[in-house]
């Protein structure tokens, strides 16, 4: 059953949905109904019918149409905000938005390329890639290294060789051999497990720099990534868009939840955000 987390006037409400054909308008009304129900003074409203509101995504601030079906407009477990008429939208969901809009409202597709081989990328090149002044392509030598590395992975899978993280589980499941039929599911679950963080989003320029660094590392030919997948990553970089990635996440230290730096490395979290 799909579930959504809805922010109404400082309260977070978990709203399950038994029918994905229900609409954004229904979600907003149901969230307001729950809000009124849980307030001693009914939140100052006589009934749900008296409340006029807008519904926005918390991530990206996109305005949602009341008539759109939930299964089309939202993903399961997505966070949204109900903005009641006369209220200001919560400032918690606005950081870095103007910077991103500013960068991409001026975006012009570059004509020049920087060829990456995993060895010769300079700091100046990286800054220019972040600013969108160049596209990326691989050198022929880098493509050969990536293909050769991938052949090793394919051989391991074909011969059913036991290799950690390829044909086995991870961490305490390192001794668990995964059937070939489940290997794709294993990798998908690994991506999903890393695709989580909280905090202010990085500005697009920094996201592009991180992705350029990741492409450069993968171009070394040590990871086992397929050339096809790497070229898809490059294609995303060469477009005008940027992944959404937060700058911090929650860590647990001696049972106490604290806010700190990444528990995942930038490389794993960023590439998982892109893939998911």
C-alpha atoms as a PDB file:
ATOM      1  CA  UNK A   1       0.000   0.000   0.000  1.00  0.00           C
ATOM      2  CA  UNK A   2       1.497   3.383  -0.983  1.00  0.00           C
ATOM      3  CA  UNK A   3       2.208   5.788   1.866  1.00  0.00           C
ATOM      4  CA  UNK A   4       2.986   9.488   1.794  1.00  0.00           C
ATOM      5  CA  UNK A   5       4.389  11.829   4.433  1.00  0.00           C
ATOM      6  CA  UNK A   6       2.571  15.150   4.379  1.00  0.00           C
ATOM      7  CA  UNK A   7       3.621  18.385   6.123  1.00  0.00           C
ATOM      8  CA  UNK A   8       0.748  20.548   7.386  1.00  0.00           C
ATOM      9  CA  UNK A   9       1.482  23.630   9.521  1.00  0.00           C
ATOM     10  CA  UNK A  10       4.476  22.175  11.346  1.00  0.00           C
ATOM     11  CA  UNK A  11       3.059  18.646  11.683  1.00  0.00           C
ATOM     12  CA  UNK A  12       4.240  15.596   9.713  1.00  0.00           C
ATOM     13  CA  UNK A  13       1.377  13.213   8.938  1.00  0.00           C
ATOM     14  CA  UNK A  14       1.723   9.674   7.580  1.00  0.00           C
ATOM     15  CA  UNK A  15      -1.088   9.111   5.080  1.00  0.00           C
ATOM     16  CA  UNK A  16      -1.634   5.583   3.687  1.00  0.00           C
ATOM     17  CA  UNK A  17      -3.429   5.242   0.375  1.00  0.00           C
ATOM     18  CA  UNK A  18      -5.459   2.127  -0.394  1.00  0.00           C
ATOM     19  CA  UNK A  19      -6.148   3.158  -3.981  1.00  0.00           C
ATOM     20  CA  UNK A  20      -3.391   4.606  -6.172  1.00  0.00           C
ATOM     21  CA  UNK A  21      -6.080   6.030  -8.479  1.00  0.00           C
ATOM     22  CA  UNK A  22      -6.946   8.581  -5.805  1.00  0.00           C
ATOM     23  CA  UNK A  23      -5.811  12.115  -6.555  1.00  0.00           C
ATOM     24  CA  UNK A  24      -3.455  14.748  -5.187  1.00  0.00           C
ATOM     25  CA  UNK A  25      -6.528  16.671  -4.038  1.00  0.00           C
ATOM     26  CA  UNK A  26      -7.651  13.649  -2.002  1.00  0.00           C
ATOM     27  CA  UNK A  27      -4.212  13.401  -0.387  1.00  0.00           C
ATOM     28  CA  UNK A  28      -4.322  17.070   0.595  1.00  0.00           C
ATOM     29  CA  UNK A  29      -7.833  16.803   2.047  1.00  0.00           C
ATOM     30  CA  UNK A  30      -6.990  13.604   3.927  1.00  0.00           C
ATOM     31  CA  UNK A  31      -3.863  15.187   5.399  1.00  0.00           C
ATOM     32  CA  UNK A  32      -5.843  18.258   6.492  1.00  0.00           C
ATOM     33  CA  UNK A  33      -8.548  15.987   7.958  1.00  0.00           C
ATOM     34  CA  UNK A  34      -5.940  14.142  10.026  1.00  0.00           C
ATOM     35  CA  UNK A  35      -4.378  17.436  11.067  1.00  0.00           C
ATOM     36  CA  UNK A  36      -7.744  18.793  12.279  1.00  0.00           C
ATOM     37  CA  UNK A  37      -8.560  15.507  14.047  1.00  0.00           C
ATOM     38  CA  UNK A  38      -5.337  15.605  16.063  1.00  0.00           C
ATOM     39  CA  UNK A  39      -5.582  19.241  17.165  1.00  0.00           C
ATOM     40  CA  UNK A  40      -7.516  20.115  20.365  1.00  0.00           C
ATOM     41  CA  UNK A  41      -8.984  23.205  18.715  1.00  0.00           C
ATOM     42  CA  UNK A  42      -9.380  21.481  15.329  1.00  0.00           C
ATOM     43  CA  UNK A  43      -6.522  23.609  14.064  1.00  0.00           C
ATOM     44  CA  UNK A  44      -8.841  26.604  13.903  1.00  0.00           C
ATOM     45  CA  UNK A  45     -11.011  25.039  11.175  1.00  0.00           C
ATOM     46  CA  UNK A  46     -14.665  24.049  11.347  1.00  0.00           C
ATOM     47  CA  UNK A  47     -14.235  21.343   8.701  1.00  0.00           C
ATOM     48  CA  UNK A  48     -11.993  20.177   5.887  1.00  0.00           C
ATOM     49  CA  UNK A  49     -14.369  21.790   3.406  1.00  0.00           C
ATOM     50  CA  UNK A  50     -13.409  25.232   4.769  1.00  0.00           C
ATOM     51  CA  UNK A  51      -9.734  24.761   3.908  1.00  0.00           C
ATOM     52  CA  UNK A  52      -8.237  25.857   0.607  1.00  0.00           C
ATOM     53  CA  UNK A  53      -4.723  24.689  -0.121  1.00  0.00           C
ATOM     54  CA  UNK A  54      -1.952  23.950  -2.598  1.00  0.00           C
ATOM     55  CA  UNK A  55       0.165  20.786  -2.615  1.00  0.00           C
ATOM     56  CA  UNK A  56       3.885  20.856  -3.380  1.00  0.00           C
ATOM     57  CA  UNK A  57       6.733  18.366  -3.356  1.00  0.00           C
ATOM     58  CA  UNK A  58       9.147  19.018  -0.490  1.00  0.00           C
ATOM     59  CA  UNK A  59      11.990  18.059  -2.830  1.00  0.00           C
ATOM     60  CA  UNK A  60      12.226  20.525  -5.701  1.00  0.00           C
ATOM     61  CA  UNK A  61       9.124  22.495  -4.647  1.00  0.00           C
ATOM     62  CA  UNK A  62       7.109  21.331  -7.665  1.00  0.00           C
ATOM     63  CA  UNK A  63       3.446  22.391  -7.587  1.00  0.00           C
ATOM     64  CA  UNK A  64       1.095  19.395  -7.916  1.00  0.00           C
ATOM     65  CA  UNK A  65      -2.246  19.403  -9.728  1.00  0.00           C
ATOM     66  CA  UNK A  66      -5.186  18.398  -7.521  1.00  0.00           C
ATOM     67  CA  UNK A  67      -6.652  16.231 -10.282  1.00  0.00           C
ATOM     68  CA  UNK A  68      -3.537  14.149 -10.987  1.00  0.00           C
ATOM     69  CA  UNK A  69      -3.656  10.506  -9.804  1.00  0.00           C
ATOM     70  CA  UNK A  70      -1.198   9.745  -6.996  1.00  0.00           C
ATOM     71  CA  UNK A  71       0.373   6.846  -8.903  1.00  0.00           C
ATOM     72  CA  UNK A  72       1.319   9.225 -11.718  1.00  0.00           C
ATOM     73  CA  UNK A  73       2.366  12.305  -9.762  1.00  0.00           C
ATOM     74  CA  UNK A  74       4.207  10.816  -6.761  1.00  0.00           C
ATOM     75  CA  UNK A  75       6.440   7.941  -5.781  1.00  0.00           C
ATOM     76  CA  UNK A  76       5.742   5.726  -2.786  1.00  0.00           C
ATOM     77  CA  UNK A  77       7.005   7.246   0.500  1.00  0.00           C
ATOM     78  CA  UNK A  78       7.402  10.697  -1.059  1.00  0.00           C
ATOM     79  CA  UNK A  79       7.310  13.836   1.104  1.00  0.00           C
ATOM     80  CA  UNK A  80       4.884  16.626   0.202  1.00  0.00           C
ATOM     81  CA  UNK A  81       3.609  19.805   1.825  1.00  0.00           C
ATOM     82  CA  UNK A  82       0.078  21.127   2.027  1.00  0.00           C
ATOM     83  CA  UNK A  83       0.262  24.933   1.911  1.00  0.00           C
ATOM     84  CA  UNK A  84      -2.969  26.314   3.343  1.00  0.00           C
ATOM     85  CA  UNK A  85      -4.267  29.531   1.776  1.00  0.00           C
ATOM     86  CA  UNK A  86      -2.855  32.504   3.659  1.00  0.00           C
ATOM     87  CA  UNK A  87       0.090  30.544   5.071  1.00  0.00           C
ATOM     88  CA  UNK A  88       3.701  30.881   3.950  1.00  0.00           C
ATOM     89  CA  UNK A  89       5.447  27.760   2.722  1.00  0.00           C
ATOM     90  CA  UNK A  90       7.861  26.263   5.228  1.00  0.00           C
ATOM     91  CA  UNK A  91      11.399  27.653   4.704  1.00  0.00           C
ATOM     92  CA  UNK A  92      12.807  24.189   5.439  1.00  0.00           C
ATOM     93  CA  UNK A  93      12.233  23.141   1.836  1.00  0.00           C
ATOM     94  CA  UNK A  94      13.715  26.172   0.058  1.00  0.00           C
ATOM     95  CA  UNK A  95      17.535  26.083   0.644  1.00  0.00           C
ATOM     96  CA  UNK A  96      19.690  26.228  -2.491  1.00  0.00           C
ATOM     97  CA  UNK A  97      16.680  26.409  -4.797  1.00  0.00           C
ATOM     98  CA  UNK A  98      17.500  29.890  -6.178  1.00  0.00           C
ATOM     99  CA  UNK A  99      21.091  28.863  -6.960  1.00  0.00           C
ATOM    100  CA  UNK A 100      19.981  25.887  -9.028  1.00  0.00           C
ATOM    101  CA  UNK A 101      17.394  27.891 -10.902  1.00  0.00           C
ATOM    102  CA  UNK A 102      19.943  30.631 -11.579  1.00  0.00           C
ATOM    103  CA  UNK A 103      22.510  28.239 -13.033  1.00  0.00           C
ATOM    104  CA  UNK A 104      20.184  26.344 -15.327  1.00  0.00           C
ATOM    105  CA  UNK A 105      18.139  29.297 -16.472  1.00  0.00           C
ATOM    106  CA  UNK A 106      21.406  30.448 -18.109  1.00  0.00           C
ATOM    107  CA  UNK A 107      22.577  27.014 -19.274  1.00  0.00           C
ATOM    108  CA  UNK A 108      23.983  26.841 -22.784  1.00  0.00           C
ATOM    109  CA  UNK A 109      25.083  23.496 -24.150  1.00  0.00           C
ATOM    110  CA  UNK A 110      28.867  23.586 -24.655  1.00  0.00           C
ATOM    111  CA  UNK A 111      30.445  22.604 -27.964  1.00  0.00           C
ATOM    112  CA  UNK A 112      33.901  21.607 -26.694  1.00  0.00           C
ATOM    113  CA  UNK A 113      34.849  18.325 -25.035  1.00  0.00           C
ATOM    114  CA  UNK A 114      37.380  17.233 -22.436  1.00  0.00           C
ATOM    115  CA  UNK A 115      38.629  13.684 -23.011  1.00  0.00           C
ATOM    116  CA  UNK A 116      39.001  11.764 -19.750  1.00  0.00           C
ATOM    117  CA  UNK A 117      41.407   8.870 -19.273  1.00  0.00           C
ATOM    118  CA  UNK A 118      41.436   8.632 -15.484  1.00  0.00           C
ATOM    119  CA  UNK A 119      44.928  10.107 -15.229  1.00  0.00           C
ATOM    120  CA  UNK A 120      45.218  13.620 -16.645  1.00  0.00           C
ATOM    121  CA  UNK A 121      42.206  15.578 -15.315  1.00  0.00           C
ATOM    122  CA  UNK A 122      43.370  18.890 -13.817  1.00  0.00           C
ATOM    123  CA  UNK A 123      41.755  21.031 -11.133  1.00  0.00           C
ATOM    124  CA  UNK A 124      41.128  23.752 -13.701  1.00  0.00           C
ATOM    125  CA  UNK A 125      39.407  21.253 -15.994  1.00  0.00           C
ATOM    126  CA  UNK A 126      37.245  20.054 -13.109  1.00  0.00           C
ATOM    127  CA  UNK A 127      36.095  23.574 -12.250  1.00  0.00           C
ATOM    128  CA  UNK A 128      35.230  24.249 -15.890  1.00  0.00           C
ATOM    129  CA  UNK A 129      33.287  20.986 -16.098  1.00  0.00           C
ATOM    130  CA  UNK A 130      31.320  22.028 -13.023  1.00  0.00           C
ATOM    131  CA  UNK A 131      30.466  25.351 -14.656  1.00  0.00           C
ATOM    132  CA  UNK A 132      29.140  23.545 -17.735  1.00  0.00           C
ATOM    133  CA  UNK A 133      31.827  24.846 -20.109  1.00  0.00           C
ATOM    134  CA  UNK A 134      32.742  21.441 -21.510  1.00  0.00           C
ATOM    135  CA  UNK A 135      31.203  18.083 -22.254  1.00  0.00           C
ATOM    136  CA  UNK A 136      32.948  14.806 -21.418  1.00  0.00           C
ATOM    137  CA  UNK A 137      34.092  11.967 -23.637  1.00  0.00           C
ATOM    138  CA  UNK A 138      36.432   9.028 -23.020  1.00  0.00           C
ATOM    139  CA  UNK A 139      39.773   8.526 -24.720  1.00  0.00           C
ATOM    140  CA  UNK A 140      40.045   5.366 -26.871  1.00  0.00           C
ATOM    141  CA  UNK A 141      42.593   3.984 -24.391  1.00  0.00           C
ATOM    142  CA  UNK A 142      40.173   4.512 -21.498  1.00  0.00           C
ATOM    143  CA  UNK A 143      37.391   2.718 -23.370  1.00  0.00           C
ATOM    144  CA  UNK A 144      39.665  -0.291 -23.889  1.00  0.00           C
ATOM    145  CA  UNK A 145      40.597  -0.387 -20.189  1.00  0.00           C
ATOM    146  CA  UNK A 146      36.936  -0.235 -19.162  1.00  0.00           C
ATOM    147  CA  UNK A 147      36.014  -3.043 -21.572  1.00  0.00           C
ATOM    148  CA  UNK A 148      38.901  -5.230 -20.386  1.00  0.00           C
ATOM    149  CA  UNK A 149      37.893  -4.743 -16.759  1.00  0.00           C
ATOM    150  CA  UNK A 150      34.295  -5.630 -17.574  1.00  0.00           C
ATOM    151  CA  UNK A 151      35.394  -8.852 -19.238  1.00  0.00           C
ATOM    152  CA  UNK A 152      36.847  -9.936 -15.900  1.00  0.00           C
ATOM    153  CA  UNK A 153      33.465  -9.414 -14.199  1.00  0.00           C
ATOM    154  CA  UNK A 154      31.611 -11.255 -16.960  1.00  0.00           C
ATOM    155  CA  UNK A 155      34.058 -14.151 -16.646  1.00  0.00           C
ATOM    156  CA  UNK A 156      33.517 -14.346 -12.871  1.00  0.00           C
ATOM    157  CA  UNK A 157      29.751 -14.510 -13.329  1.00  0.00           C
ATOM    158  CA  UNK A 158      29.917 -16.986 -16.206  1.00  0.00           C
ATOM    159  CA  UNK A 159      32.246 -19.356 -14.361  1.00  0.00           C
ATOM    160  CA  UNK A 160      30.329 -18.903 -11.082  1.00  0.00           C
ATOM    161  CA  UNK A 161      33.508 -17.968  -9.258  1.00  0.00           C
ATOM    162  CA  UNK A 162      32.953 -16.876  -5.658  1.00  0.00           C
ATOM    163  CA  UNK A 163      34.053 -13.231  -5.427  1.00  0.00           C
ATOM    164  CA  UNK A 164      32.982 -10.846  -2.680  1.00  0.00           C
ATOM    165  CA  UNK A 165      30.332  -8.337  -3.737  1.00  0.00           C
ATOM    166  CA  UNK A 166      29.917  -9.880  -7.174  1.00  0.00           C
ATOM    167  CA  UNK A 167      28.631 -13.373  -6.461  1.00  0.00           C
ATOM    168  CA  UNK A 168      28.294 -13.012  -2.674  1.00  0.00           C
ATOM    169  CA  UNK A 169      26.428 -10.786  -0.273  1.00  0.00           C
ATOM    170  CA  UNK A 170      27.987  -7.867   1.574  1.00  0.00           C
ATOM    171  CA  UNK A 171      29.260  -7.392   5.125  1.00  0.00           C
ATOM    172  CA  UNK A 172      28.070 -10.198   7.390  1.00  0.00           C
ATOM    173  CA  UNK A 173      26.620 -11.914   4.310  1.00  0.00           C
ATOM    174  CA  UNK A 174      30.040 -12.148   2.667  1.00  0.00           C
ATOM    175  CA  UNK A 175      29.956 -15.951   2.921  1.00  0.00           C
ATOM    176  CA  UNK A 176      26.512 -16.163   1.344  1.00  0.00           C
ATOM    177  CA  UNK A 177      26.832 -17.164  -2.311  1.00  0.00           C
ATOM    178  CA  UNK A 178      24.184 -15.540  -4.502  1.00  0.00           C
ATOM    179  CA  UNK A 179      22.601 -17.554  -7.363  1.00  0.00           C
ATOM    180  CA  UNK A 180      23.207 -16.145 -10.838  1.00  0.00           C
ATOM    181  CA  UNK A 181      19.464 -15.565 -11.211  1.00  0.00           C
ATOM    182  CA  UNK A 182      19.565 -13.187  -8.214  1.00  0.00           C
ATOM    183  CA  UNK A 183      22.692 -11.176  -9.080  1.00  0.00           C
ATOM    184  CA  UNK A 184      20.830  -8.360 -10.808  1.00  0.00           C
ATOM    185  CA  UNK A 185      18.468  -8.042  -7.835  1.00  0.00           C
ATOM    186  CA  UNK A 186      21.491  -7.953  -5.505  1.00  0.00           C
ATOM    187  CA  UNK A 187      22.988  -4.991  -7.343  1.00  0.00           C
ATOM    188  CA  UNK A 188      19.673  -3.120  -7.491  1.00  0.00           C
ATOM    189  CA  UNK A 189      19.212  -3.574  -3.737  1.00  0.00           C
ATOM    190  CA  UNK A 190      22.751  -2.322  -3.134  1.00  0.00           C
ATOM    191  CA  UNK A 191      21.977   0.878  -5.026  1.00  0.00           C
ATOM    192  CA  UNK A 192      18.742   1.369  -3.098  1.00  0.00           C
ATOM    193  CA  UNK A 193      20.432   0.847   0.256  1.00  0.00           C
ATOM    194  CA  UNK A 194      22.864   3.696  -0.457  1.00  0.00           C
ATOM    195  CA  UNK A 195      20.348   6.144  -1.922  1.00  0.00           C
ATOM    196  CA  UNK A 196      19.557   7.992   1.290  1.00  0.00           C
ATOM    197  CA  UNK A 197      20.689  11.182   3.004  1.00  0.00           C
ATOM    198  CA  UNK A 198      19.273  14.383   4.461  1.00  0.00           C
ATOM    199  CA  UNK A 199      20.278  18.014   4.552  1.00  0.00           C
ATOM    200  CA  UNK A 200      20.645  20.917   2.179  1.00  0.00           C
ATOM    201  CA  UNK A 201      21.148  19.944  -1.470  1.00  0.00           C
ATOM    202  CA  UNK A 202      24.435  20.624  -3.196  1.00  0.00           C
ATOM    203  CA  UNK A 203      24.268  23.309  -5.853  1.00  0.00           C
ATOM    204  CA  UNK A 204      24.266  21.891  -9.416  1.00  0.00           C
ATOM    205  CA  UNK A 205      27.827  23.093 -10.072  1.00  0.00           C
ATOM    206  CA  UNK A 206      29.169  20.926  -7.260  1.00  0.00           C
ATOM    207  CA  UNK A 207      27.017  17.983  -8.304  1.00  0.00           C
ATOM    208  CA  UNK A 208      28.505  18.193 -11.789  1.00  0.00           C
ATOM    209  CA  UNK A 209      32.031  18.332 -10.385  1.00  0.00           C
ATOM    210  CA  UNK A 210      31.378  15.236  -8.279  1.00  0.00           C
ATOM    211  CA  UNK A 211      29.959  13.363 -11.249  1.00  0.00           C
ATOM    212  CA  UNK A 212      32.930  14.400 -13.410  1.00  0.00           C
ATOM    213  CA  UNK A 213      35.295  13.056 -10.734  1.00  0.00           C
ATOM    214  CA  UNK A 214      33.366   9.803 -10.611  1.00  0.00           C
ATOM    215  CA  UNK A 215      33.493   9.417 -14.398  1.00  0.00           C
ATOM    216  CA  UNK A 216      37.223  10.099 -14.304  1.00  0.00           C
ATOM    217  CA  UNK A 217      37.788   7.385 -11.677  1.00  0.00           C
ATOM    218  CA  UNK A 218      35.667   4.883 -13.602  1.00  0.00           C
ATOM    219  CA  UNK A 219      37.689   5.679 -16.734  1.00  0.00           C
ATOM    220  CA  UNK A 220      40.738   4.136 -15.042  1.00  0.00           C
ATOM    221  CA  UNK A 221      39.261   0.719 -15.794  1.00  0.00           C
ATOM    222  CA  UNK A 222      39.444  -0.785 -12.310  1.00  0.00           C
ATOM    223  CA  UNK A 223      35.772  -0.906 -11.329  1.00  0.00           C
ATOM    224  CA  UNK A 224      34.252  -3.486 -13.675  1.00  0.00           C
ATOM    225  CA  UNK A 225      31.535  -1.109 -14.862  1.00  0.00           C
ATOM    226  CA  UNK A 226      30.333  -1.809 -18.389  1.00  0.00           C
ATOM    227  CA  UNK A 227      31.265   0.674 -21.103  1.00  0.00           C
ATOM    228  CA  UNK A 228      27.568   0.997 -21.949  1.00  0.00           C
ATOM    229  CA  UNK A 229      26.675   2.068 -18.399  1.00  0.00           C
ATOM    230  CA  UNK A 230      29.604   4.471 -18.168  1.00  0.00           C
ATOM    231  CA  UNK A 231      28.558   6.108 -21.426  1.00  0.00           C
ATOM    232  CA  UNK A 232      25.051   6.540 -19.994  1.00  0.00           C
ATOM    233  CA  UNK A 233      26.553   8.349 -16.996  1.00  0.00           C
ATOM    234  CA  UNK A 234      28.510  10.581 -19.390  1.00  0.00           C
ATOM    235  CA  UNK A 235      25.346  11.243 -21.387  1.00  0.00           C
ATOM    236  CA  UNK A 236      23.627  12.462 -18.218  1.00  0.00           C
ATOM    237  CA  UNK A 237      26.584  14.712 -17.396  1.00  0.00           C
ATOM    238  CA  UNK A 238      26.528  16.186 -20.896  1.00  0.00           C
ATOM    239  CA  UNK A 239      22.865  17.135 -20.524  1.00  0.00           C
ATOM    240  CA  UNK A 240      21.505  20.218 -18.736  1.00  0.00           C
ATOM    241  CA  UNK A 241      20.179  18.391 -15.672  1.00  0.00           C
ATOM    242  CA  UNK A 242      21.740  17.531 -12.331  1.00  0.00           C
ATOM    243  CA  UNK A 243      21.084  14.931  -9.647  1.00  0.00           C
ATOM    244  CA  UNK A 244      19.649  15.992  -6.292  1.00  0.00           C
ATOM    245  CA  UNK A 245      22.106  15.114  -3.539  1.00  0.00           C
ATOM    246  CA  UNK A 246      22.148  16.214   0.087  1.00  0.00           C
ATOM    247  CA  UNK A 247      25.254  17.318   1.957  1.00  0.00           C
ATOM    248  CA  UNK A 248      24.739  15.381   5.177  1.00  0.00           C
ATOM    249  CA  UNK A 249      22.993  12.380   6.656  1.00  0.00           C
ATOM    250  CA  UNK A 250      22.205  10.966  10.049  1.00  0.00           C
ATOM    251  CA  UNK A 251      24.760   8.927  11.931  1.00  0.00           C
ATOM    252  CA  UNK A 252      24.141   6.834  15.006  1.00  0.00           C
ATOM    253  CA  UNK A 253      26.720   7.067  17.749  1.00  0.00           C
ATOM    254  CA  UNK A 254      26.231   5.006  20.934  1.00  0.00           C
ATOM    255  CA  UNK A 255      22.489   4.980  20.423  1.00  0.00           C
ATOM    256  CA  UNK A 256      22.287   8.738  19.980  1.00  0.00           C
ATOM    257  CA  UNK A 257      21.162  10.148  16.664  1.00  0.00           C
ATOM    258  CA  UNK A 258      23.366  13.023  15.531  1.00  0.00           C
ATOM    259  CA  UNK A 259      23.728  15.017  12.353  1.00  0.00           C
ATOM    260  CA  UNK A 260      27.097  14.628  10.719  1.00  0.00           C
ATOM    261  CA  UNK A 261      28.984  14.054   7.517  1.00  0.00           C
ATOM    262  CA  UNK A 262      28.280  11.264   5.058  1.00  0.00           C
ATOM    263  CA  UNK A 263      28.239   7.769   6.492  1.00  0.00           C
ATOM    264  CA  UNK A 264      28.521   6.699   2.858  1.00  0.00           C
ATOM    265  CA  UNK A 265      31.357   7.958   0.738  1.00  0.00           C
ATOM    266  CA  UNK A 266      30.576  10.643  -1.824  1.00  0.00           C
ATOM    267  CA  UNK A 267      31.339   8.168  -4.600  1.00  0.00           C
ATOM    268  CA  UNK A 268      28.794   5.562  -3.527  1.00  0.00           C
ATOM    269  CA  UNK A 269      26.049   7.958  -2.475  1.00  0.00           C
ATOM    270  CA  UNK A 270      26.319  10.182  -5.525  1.00  0.00           C
ATOM    271  CA  UNK A 271      26.388   7.399  -8.108  1.00  0.00           C
ATOM    272  CA  UNK A 272      23.515   5.646  -6.304  1.00  0.00           C
ATOM    273  CA  UNK A 273      21.447   8.851  -6.419  1.00  0.00           C
ATOM    274  CA  UNK A 274      22.105   9.054 -10.131  1.00  0.00           C
ATOM    275  CA  UNK A 275      21.223   5.398 -10.767  1.00  0.00           C
ATOM    276  CA  UNK A 276      18.063   5.480  -8.718  1.00  0.00           C
END
